[in-house]
Amino acid sequence: MRTILIILFSIIQIPCVLEGWLSYILNCLIKMLSRIIFLLAIVSFIWWPLDMFCGICWASCESIKLKLQGIDIDFSEALVLYVQHYPQL
């Protein structure tokens, strides 16, 4: 039963990571274009709530998965693991 739950939470995490990489690419483009037109940087706030939701969803799933494996991890530590997927801008 534990294995099935871990697999289920891992499947839930996949779209969150994909959205994170898509957001990273879009943020790089916006950062590059905002050097030309500063007001274009406001566009990045459109998908910011989705980024936050995906980060919380991924960290929650990771925290639950590790607790199912017997590893005690805080939610804040799981958020750090999520952020480590992506390079710094």
PDB file of N, CA and C in Angstrom:
ATOM      1  N   MET A   1       0.825  -1.198   0.000  1.00  0.00           N
ATOM      2  CA  MET A   1       0.000   0.000   0.000  1.00  0.00           C
ATOM      3  C   MET A   1       0.868   1.261   0.000  1.00  0.00           C
ATOM      4  N   ARG A   2       1.968   1.224   0.797  1.00  0.00           N
ATOM      5  CA  ARG A   2       2.867   2.374   0.842  1.00  0.00           C
ATOM      6  C   ARG A   2       3.462   2.680  -0.524  1.00  0.00           C
ATOM      7  N   THR A   3       3.873   1.634  -1.212  1.00  0.00           N
ATOM      8  CA  THR A   3       4.487   1.812  -2.527  1.00  0.00           C
ATOM      9  C   THR A   3       3.519   2.455  -3.503  1.00  0.00           C
ATOM     10  N   ILE A   4       2.275   2.041  -3.464  1.00  0.00           N
ATOM     11  CA  ILE A   4       1.262   2.619  -4.356  1.00  0.00           C
ATOM     12  C   ILE A   4       1.061   4.099  -4.046  1.00  0.00           C
ATOM     13  N   LEU A   5       1.017   4.449  -2.773  1.00  0.00           N
ATOM     14  CA  LEU A   5       0.863   5.856  -2.391  1.00  0.00           C
ATOM     15  C   LEU A   5       2.070   6.689  -2.825  1.00  0.00           C
ATOM     16  N   ILE A   6       3.263   6.136  -2.663  1.00  0.00           N
ATOM     17  CA  ILE A   6       4.474   6.856  -3.070  1.00  0.00           C
ATOM     18  C   ILE A   6       4.475   7.083  -4.576  1.00  0.00           C
ATOM     19  N   ILE A   7       4.087   6.078  -5.332  1.00  0.00           N
ATOM     20  CA  ILE A   7       4.004   6.224  -6.793  1.00  0.00           C
ATOM     21  C   ILE A   7       2.952   7.260  -7.165  1.00  0.00           C
ATOM     22  N   LEU A   8       1.821   7.241  -6.490  1.00  0.00           N
ATOM     23  CA  LEU A   8       0.757   8.211  -6.760  1.00  0.00           C
ATOM     24  C   LEU A   8       1.230   9.640  -6.489  1.00  0.00           C
ATOM     25  N   PHE A   9       1.900   9.854  -5.355  1.00  0.00           N
ATOM     26  CA  PHE A   9       2.410  11.192  -5.044  1.00  0.00           C
ATOM     27  C   PHE A   9       3.498  11.617  -6.028  1.00  0.00           C
ATOM     28  N   SER A  10       4.303  10.660  -6.500  1.00  0.00           N
ATOM     29  CA  SER A  10       5.329  10.983  -7.498  1.00  0.00           C
ATOM     30  C   SER A  10       4.699  11.416  -8.816  1.00  0.00           C
ATOM     31  N   ILE A  11       3.614  10.771  -9.194  1.00  0.00           N
ATOM     32  CA  ILE A  11       2.909  11.145 -10.427  1.00  0.00           C
ATOM     33  C   ILE A  11       2.299  12.536 -10.288  1.00  0.00           C
ATOM     34  N   ILE A  12       1.794  12.851  -9.107  1.00  0.00           N
ATOM     35  CA  ILE A  12       1.230  14.185  -8.869  1.00  0.00           C
ATOM     36  C   ILE A  12       2.323  15.250  -8.975  1.00  0.00           C
ATOM     37  N   GLN A  13       3.553  14.908  -8.596  1.00  0.00           N
ATOM     38  CA  GLN A  13       4.649  15.872  -8.613  1.00  0.00           C
ATOM     39  C   GLN A  13       5.143  16.203 -10.023  1.00  0.00           C
ATOM     40  N   ILE A  14       4.958  15.327 -10.975  1.00  0.00           N
ATOM     41  CA  ILE A  14       5.493  15.536 -12.326  1.00  0.00           C
ATOM     42  C   ILE A  14       4.996  16.834 -12.960  1.00  0.00           C
ATOM     43  N   PRO A  15       3.679  17.111 -12.987  1.00  0.00           N
ATOM     44  CA  PRO A  15       3.246  18.384 -13.594  1.00  0.00           C
ATOM     45  C   PRO A  15       3.791  19.608 -12.861  1.00  0.00           C
ATOM     46  N   CYS A  16       4.018  19.481 -11.566  1.00  0.00           N
ATOM     47  CA  CYS A  16       4.565  20.617 -10.801  1.00  0.00           C
ATOM     48  C   CYS A  16       5.983  20.940 -11.250  1.00  0.00           C
ATOM     49  N   VAL A  17       6.790  19.912 -11.469  1.00  0.00           N
ATOM     50  CA  VAL A  17       8.160  20.136 -11.927  1.00  0.00           C
ATOM     51  C   VAL A  17       8.157  20.674 -13.355  1.00  0.00           C
ATOM     52  N   LEU A  18       7.298  20.134 -14.203  1.00  0.00           N
ATOM     53  CA  LEU A  18       7.211  20.637 -15.580  1.00  0.00           C
ATOM     54  C   LEU A  18       6.788  22.100 -15.603  1.00  0.00           C
ATOM     55  N   GLU A  19       5.824  22.461 -14.774  1.00  0.00           N
ATOM     56  CA  GLU A  19       5.389  23.856 -14.705  1.00  0.00           C
ATOM     57  C   GLU A  19       6.515  24.735 -14.188  1.00  0.00           C
ATOM     58  N   GLY A  20       7.284  24.230 -13.259  1.00  0.00           N
ATOM     59  CA  GLY A  20       8.408  24.989 -12.725  1.00  0.00           C
ATOM     60  C   GLY A  20       9.461  25.289 -13.781  1.00  0.00           C
ATOM     61  N   TRP A  21       9.776  24.287 -14.617  1.00  0.00           N
ATOM     62  CA  TRP A  21      10.747  24.525 -15.691  1.00  0.00           C
ATOM     63  C   TRP A  21      10.183  25.461 -16.748  1.00  0.00           C
ATOM     64  N   LEU A  22       8.914  25.330 -17.065  1.00  0.00           N
ATOM     65  CA  LEU A  22       8.288  26.252 -18.018  1.00  0.00           C
ATOM     66  C   LEU A  22       8.327  27.675 -17.473  1.00  0.00           C
ATOM     67  N   SER A  23       8.036  27.824 -16.224  1.00  0.00           N
ATOM     68  CA  SER A  23       8.075  29.133 -15.582  1.00  0.00           C
ATOM     69  C   SER A  23       9.496  29.686 -15.565  1.00  0.00           C
ATOM     70  N   TYR A  24      10.476  28.829 -15.321  1.00  0.00           N
ATOM     71  CA  TYR A  24      11.870  29.269 -15.325  1.00  0.00           C
ATOM     72  C   TYR A  24      12.253  29.814 -16.702  1.00  0.00           C
ATOM     73  N   ILE A  25      11.876  29.099 -17.747  1.00  0.00           N
ATOM     74  CA  ILE A  25      12.181  29.546 -19.116  1.00  0.00           C
ATOM     75  C   ILE A  25      11.478  30.865 -19.418  1.00  0.00           C
ATOM     76  N   LEU A  26      10.208  30.968 -19.042  1.00  0.00           N
ATOM     77  CA  LEU A  26       9.475  32.212 -19.272  1.00  0.00           C
ATOM     78  C   LEU A  26      10.081  33.370 -18.479  1.00  0.00           C
ATOM     79  N   ASN A  27      10.508  33.109 -17.253  1.00  0.00           N
ATOM     80  CA  ASN A  27      11.146  34.161 -16.457  1.00  0.00           C
ATOM     81  C   ASN A  27      12.458  34.617 -17.085  1.00  0.00           C
ATOM     82  N   CYS A  28      13.220  33.686 -17.658  1.00  0.00           N
ATOM     83  CA  CYS A  28      14.455  34.071 -18.355  1.00  0.00           C
ATOM     84  C   CYS A  28      14.145  34.973 -19.545  1.00  0.00           C
ATOM     85  N   LEU A  29      13.105  34.616 -20.309  1.00  0.00           N
ATOM     86  CA  LEU A  29      12.713  35.448 -21.454  1.00  0.00           C
ATOM     87  C   LEU A  29      12.243  36.823 -21.008  1.00  0.00           C
ATOM     88  N   ILE A  30      11.428  36.849 -19.971  1.00  0.00           N
ATOM     89  CA  ILE A  30      10.916  38.127 -19.461  1.00  0.00           C
ATOM     90  C   ILE A  30      12.067  38.983 -18.932  1.00  0.00           C
ATOM     91  N   LYS A  31      13.007  38.354 -18.251  1.00  0.00           N
ATOM     92  CA  LYS A  31      14.151  39.100 -17.718  1.00  0.00           C
ATOM     93  C   LYS A  31      14.961  39.720 -18.853  1.00  0.00           C
ATOM     94  N   MET A  32      15.144  38.962 -19.924  1.00  0.00           N
ATOM     95  CA  MET A  32      15.890  39.463 -21.068  1.00  0.00           C
ATOM     96  C   MET A  32      15.130  40.597 -21.763  1.00  0.00           C
ATOM     97  N   LEU A  33      13.826  40.412 -21.956  1.00  0.00           N
ATOM     98  CA  LEU A  33      13.027  41.426 -22.644  1.00  0.00           C
ATOM     99  C   LEU A  33      12.767  42.657 -21.780  1.00  0.00           C
ATOM    100  N   SER A  34      12.765  42.485 -20.468  1.00  0.00           N
ATOM    101  CA  SER A  34      12.481  43.632 -19.599  1.00  0.00           C
ATOM    102  C   SER A  34      13.640  44.622 -19.566  1.00  0.00           C
ATOM    103  N   ARG A  35      14.799  44.205 -20.032  1.00  0.00           N
ATOM    104  CA  ARG A  35      15.901  45.160 -20.158  1.00  0.00           C
ATOM    105  C   ARG A  35      15.592  46.185 -21.244  1.00  0.00           C
ATOM    106  N   ILE A  36      14.778  45.779 -22.215  1.00  0.00           N
ATOM    107  CA  ILE A  36      14.390  46.679 -23.301  1.00  0.00           C
ATOM    108  C   ILE A  36      13.145  47.469 -22.906  1.00  0.00           C
ATOM    109  N   ILE A  37      12.126  46.746 -22.471  1.00  0.00           N
ATOM    110  CA  ILE A  37      10.856  47.368 -22.073  1.00  0.00           C
ATOM    111  C   ILE A  37      10.590  46.976 -20.620  1.00  0.00           C
ATOM    112  N   PHE A  38      10.800  47.908 -19.701  1.00  0.00           N
ATOM    113  CA  PHE A  38      10.709  47.600 -18.270  1.00  0.00           C
ATOM    114  C   PHE A  38       9.318  47.129 -17.860  1.00  0.00           C
ATOM    115  N   LEU A  39       8.274  47.712 -18.411  1.00  0.00           N
ATOM    116  CA  LEU A  39       6.908  47.357 -17.997  1.00  0.00           C
ATOM    117  C   LEU A  39       6.543  45.919 -18.350  1.00  0.00           C
ATOM    118  N   LEU A  40       7.302  45.305 -19.234  1.00  0.00           N
ATOM    119  CA  LEU A  40       7.045  43.912 -19.601  1.00  0.00           C
ATOM    120  C   LEU A  40       7.294  42.967 -18.419  1.00  0.00           C
ATOM    121  N   ALA A  41       8.079  43.413 -17.442  1.00  0.00           N
ATOM    122  CA  ALA A  41       8.370  42.576 -16.271  1.00  0.00           C
ATOM    123  C   ALA A  41       7.119  42.297 -15.447  1.00  0.00           C
ATOM    124  N   ILE A  42       6.110  43.130 -15.570  1.00  0.00           N
ATOM    125  CA  ILE A  42       4.858  42.937 -14.828  1.00  0.00           C
ATOM    126  C   ILE A  42       4.165  41.642 -15.259  1.00  0.00           C
ATOM    127  N   VAL A  43       4.422  41.199 -16.483  1.00  0.00           N
ATOM    128  CA  VAL A  43       3.796  39.979 -17.005  1.00  0.00           C
ATOM    129  C   VAL A  43       4.154  38.766 -16.150  1.00  0.00           C
ATOM    130  N   SER A  44       5.334  38.774 -15.540  1.00  0.00           N
ATOM    131  CA  SER A  44       5.744  37.612 -14.747  1.00  0.00           C
ATOM    132  C   SER A  44       4.833  37.386 -13.543  1.00  0.00           C
ATOM    133  N   PHE A  45       4.103  38.402 -13.100  1.00  0.00           N
ATOM    134  CA  PHE A  45       3.181  38.232 -11.970  1.00  0.00           C
ATOM    135  C   PHE A  45       1.933  37.444 -12.356  1.00  0.00           C
ATOM    136  N   ILE A  46       1.712  37.246 -13.641  1.00  0.00           N
ATOM    137  CA  ILE A  46       0.531  36.499 -14.085  1.00  0.00           C
ATOM    138  C   ILE A  46       0.627  35.044 -13.642  1.00  0.00           C
ATOM    139  N   TRP A  47       1.781  34.418 -13.827  1.00  0.00           N
ATOM    140  CA  TRP A  47       1.889  33.005 -13.463  1.00  0.00           C
ATOM    141  C   TRP A  47       2.519  32.788 -12.089  1.00  0.00           C
ATOM    142  N   TRP A  48       2.801  33.854 -11.354  1.00  0.00           N
ATOM    143  CA  TRP A  48       3.381  33.717 -10.020  1.00  0.00           C
ATOM    144  C   TRP A  48       2.496  32.900  -9.069  1.00  0.00           C
ATOM    145  N   PRO A  49       1.164  33.134  -9.013  1.00  0.00           N
ATOM    146  CA  PRO A  49       0.336  32.300  -8.118  1.00  0.00           C
ATOM    147  C   PRO A  49       0.380  30.814  -8.485  1.00  0.00           C
ATOM    148  N   LEU A  50       0.452  30.511  -9.779  1.00  0.00           N
ATOM    149  CA  LEU A  50       0.552  29.115 -10.205  1.00  0.00           C
ATOM    150  C   LEU A  50       1.883  28.514  -9.748  1.00  0.00           C
ATOM    151  N   ASP A  51       2.954  29.290  -9.815  1.00  0.00           N
ATOM    152  CA  ASP A  51       4.252  28.826  -9.310  1.00  0.00           C
ATOM    153  C   ASP A  51       4.178  28.486  -7.827  1.00  0.00           C
ATOM    154  N   MET A  52       3.554  29.360  -7.070  1.00  0.00           N
ATOM    155  CA  MET A  52       3.455  29.138  -5.627  1.00  0.00           C
ATOM    156  C   MET A  52       2.611  27.900  -5.324  1.00  0.00           C
ATOM    157  N   PHE A  53       1.510  27.739  -6.046  1.00  0.00           N
ATOM    158  CA  PHE A  53       0.651  26.568  -5.852  1.00  0.00           C
ATOM    159  C   PHE A  53       1.408  25.284  -6.176  1.00  0.00           C
ATOM    160  N   CYS A  54       2.133  25.278  -7.293  1.00  0.00           N
ATOM    161  CA  CYS A  54       2.881  24.076  -7.676  1.00  0.00           C
ATOM    162  C   CYS A  54       3.999  23.773  -6.679  1.00  0.00           C
ATOM    163  N   GLY A  55       4.645  24.803  -6.172  1.00  0.00           N
ATOM    164  CA  GLY A  55       5.686  24.588  -5.170  1.00  0.00           C
ATOM    165  C   GLY A  55       5.130  23.977  -3.897  1.00  0.00           C
ATOM    166  N   ILE A  56       3.994  24.486  -3.453  1.00  0.00           N
ATOM    167  CA  ILE A  56       3.353  23.953  -2.243  1.00  0.00           C
ATOM    168  C   ILE A  56       2.876  22.524  -2.476  1.00  0.00           C
ATOM    169  N   CYS A  57       2.303  22.271  -3.637  1.00  0.00           N
ATOM    170  CA  CYS A  57       1.819  20.923  -3.973  1.00  0.00           C
ATOM    171  C   CYS A  57       2.987  19.931  -4.008  1.00  0.00           C
ATOM    172  N   TRP A  58       4.090  20.303  -4.685  1.00  0.00           N
ATOM    173  CA  TRP A  58       5.240  19.416  -4.786  1.00  0.00           C
ATOM    174  C   TRP A  58       5.838  19.141  -3.409  1.00  0.00           C
ATOM    175  N   ALA A  59       6.014  20.194  -2.626  1.00  0.00           N
ATOM    176  CA  ALA A  59       6.619  20.035  -1.301  1.00  0.00           C
ATOM    177  C   ALA A  59       5.730  19.188  -0.387  1.00  0.00           C
ATOM    178  N   SER A  60       4.419  19.362  -0.487  1.00  0.00           N
ATOM    179  CA  SER A  60       3.500  18.545   0.320  1.00  0.00           C
ATOM    180  C   SER A  60       3.619  17.075  -0.053  1.00  0.00           C
ATOM    181  N   CYS A  61       3.622  16.795  -1.353  1.00  0.00           N
ATOM    182  CA  CYS A  61       3.746  15.405  -1.806  1.00  0.00           C
ATOM    183  C   CYS A  61       5.083  14.812  -1.373  1.00  0.00           C
ATOM    184  N   GLU A  62       6.159  15.589  -1.492  1.00  0.00           N
ATOM    185  CA  GLU A  62       7.483  15.096  -1.105  1.00  0.00           C
ATOM    186  C   GLU A  62       7.549  14.826   0.393  1.00  0.00           C
ATOM    187  N   SER A  63       6.972  15.707   1.167  1.00  0.00           N
ATOM    188  CA  SER A  63       6.956  15.531   2.617  1.00  0.00           C
ATOM    189  C   SER A  63       6.194  14.263   3.001  1.00  0.00           C
ATOM    190  N   ILE A  64       5.050  14.055   2.384  1.00  0.00           N
ATOM    191  CA  ILE A  64       4.249  12.857   2.671  1.00  0.00           C
ATOM    192  C   ILE A  64       4.981  11.601   2.219  1.00  0.00           C
ATOM    193  N   LYS A  65       5.595  11.643   1.028  1.00  0.00           N
ATOM    194  CA  LYS A  65       6.336  10.487   0.523  1.00  0.00           C
ATOM    195  C   LYS A  65       7.466  10.094   1.470  1.00  0.00           C
ATOM    196  N   LEU A  66       8.214  11.082   1.931  1.00  0.00           N
ATOM    197  CA  LEU A  66       9.334  10.775   2.822  1.00  0.00           C
ATOM    198  C   LEU A  66       8.852  10.285   4.181  1.00  0.00           C
ATOM    199  N   LYS A  67       7.728  10.801   4.660  1.00  0.00           N
ATOM    200  CA  LYS A  67       7.169  10.303   5.926  1.00  0.00           C
ATOM    201  C   LYS A  67       6.692   8.859   5.774  1.00  0.00           C
ATOM    202  N   LEU A  68       6.164   8.518   4.595  1.00  0.00           N
ATOM    203  CA  LEU A  68       5.771   7.129   4.345  1.00  0.00           C
ATOM    204  C   LEU A  68       6.985   6.204   4.334  1.00  0.00           C
ATOM    205  N   GLN A  69       8.141   6.735   3.951  1.00  0.00           N
ATOM    206  CA  GLN A  69       9.370   5.943   3.931  1.00  0.00           C
ATOM    207  C   GLN A  69      10.068   5.927   5.287  1.00  0.00           C
ATOM    208  N   GLY A  70       9.510   6.650   6.250  1.00  0.00           N
ATOM    209  CA  GLY A  70      10.078   6.658   7.586  1.00  0.00           C
ATOM    210  C   GLY A  70      11.112   7.749   7.812  1.00  0.00           C
ATOM    211  N   ILE A  71      11.219   8.684   6.879  1.00  0.00           N
ATOM    212  CA  ILE A  71      12.161   9.799   7.012  1.00  0.00           C
ATOM    213  C   ILE A  71      11.375  11.018   7.467  1.00  0.00           C
ATOM    214  N   ASP A  72      11.763  11.562   8.611  1.00  0.00           N
ATOM    215  CA  ASP A  72      11.053  12.727   9.147  1.00  0.00           C
ATOM    216  C   ASP A  72      11.628  13.996   8.518  1.00  0.00           C
ATOM    217  N   ILE A  73      10.795  14.736   7.811  1.00  0.00           N
ATOM    218  CA  ILE A  73      11.224  15.953   7.124  1.00  0.00           C
ATOM    219  C   ILE A  73      10.174  17.033   7.351  1.00  0.00           C
ATOM    220  N   ASP A  74      10.644  18.245   7.581  1.00  0.00           N
ATOM    221  CA  ASP A  74       9.732  19.380   7.729  1.00  0.00           C
ATOM    222  C   ASP A  74       9.271  19.850   6.359  1.00  0.00           C
ATOM    223  N   PHE A  75       8.155  20.563   6.354  1.00  0.00           N
ATOM    224  CA  PHE A  75       7.641  21.124   5.106  1.00  0.00           C
ATOM    225  C   PHE A  75       8.630  22.133   4.524  1.00  0.00           C
ATOM    226  N   SER A  76       9.275  22.907   5.379  1.00  0.00           N
ATOM    227  CA  SER A  76      10.240  23.903   4.888  1.00  0.00           C
ATOM    228  C   SER A  76      11.437  23.227   4.220  1.00  0.00           C
ATOM    229  N   GLU A  77      11.853  22.083   4.719  1.00  0.00           N
ATOM    230  CA  GLU A  77      12.939  21.331   4.087  1.00  0.00           C
ATOM    231  C   GLU A  77      12.500  20.785   2.735  1.00  0.00           C
ATOM    232  N   ALA A  78      11.239  20.388   2.630  1.00  0.00           N
ATOM    233  CA  ALA A  78      10.714  19.911   1.352  1.00  0.00           C
ATOM    234  C   ALA A  78      10.661  21.052   0.338  1.00  0.00           C
ATOM    235  N   LEU A  79      10.340  22.257   0.788  1.00  0.00           N
ATOM    236  CA  LEU A  79      10.355  23.414  -0.115  1.00  0.00           C
ATOM    237  C   LEU A  79      11.765  23.706  -0.618  1.00  0.00           C
ATOM    238  N   VAL A  80      12.758  23.537   0.240  1.00  0.00           N
ATOM    239  CA  VAL A  80      14.147  23.727  -0.185  1.00  0.00           C
ATOM    240  C   VAL A  80      14.507  22.698  -1.254  1.00  0.00           C
ATOM    241  N   LEU A  81      14.058  21.467  -1.096  1.00  0.00           N
ATOM    242  CA  LEU A  81      14.303  20.440  -2.113  1.00  0.00           C
ATOM    243  C   LEU A  81      13.667  20.818  -3.445  1.00  0.00           C
ATOM    244  N   TYR A  82      12.475  21.416  -3.398  1.00  0.00           N
ATOM    245  CA  TYR A  82      11.797  21.842  -4.627  1.00  0.00           C
ATOM    246  C   TYR A  82      12.585  22.942  -5.330  1.00  0.00           C
ATOM    247  N   VAL A  83      13.063  23.902  -4.567  1.00  0.00           N
ATOM    248  CA  VAL A  83      13.790  25.035  -5.149  1.00  0.00           C
ATOM    249  C   VAL A  83      15.113  24.573  -5.757  1.00  0.00           C
ATOM    250  N   GLN A  84      15.705  23.528  -5.214  1.00  0.00           N
ATOM    251  CA  GLN A  84      16.986  23.039  -5.725  1.00  0.00           C
ATOM    252  C   GLN A  84      16.871  22.395  -7.104  1.00  0.00           C
ATOM    253  N   HIS A  85      15.661  22.172  -7.599  1.00  0.00           N
ATOM    254  CA  HIS A  85      15.490  21.642  -8.952  1.00  0.00           C
ATOM    255  C   HIS A  85      15.916  22.640 -10.022  1.00  0.00           C
ATOM    256  N   TYR A  86      15.866  23.917  -9.691  1.00  0.00           N
ATOM    257  CA  TYR A  86      16.002  24.969 -10.693  1.00  0.00           C
ATOM    258  C   TYR A  86      17.232  25.825 -10.431  1.00  0.00           C
ATOM    259  N   PRO A  87      17.906  26.259 -11.508  1.00  0.00           N
ATOM    260  CA  PRO A  87      19.055  27.168 -11.335  1.00  0.00           C
ATOM    261  C   PRO A  87      18.606  28.553 -10.887  1.00  0.00           C
ATOM    262  N   GLN A  88      19.533  29.323 -10.344  1.00  0.00           N
ATOM    263  CA  GLN A  88      19.236  30.692  -9.927  1.00  0.00           C
ATOM    264  C   GLN A  88      19.170  31.591 -11.158  1.00  0.00           C
ATOM    265  N   LEU A  89      18.246  32.535 -11.135  1.00  0.00           N
ATOM    266  CA  LEU A  89      18.160  33.510 -12.235  1.00  0.00           C
ATOM    267  C   LEU A  89      19.164  34.610 -12.038  1.00  0.00           C
TER     268      LEU A  89
END
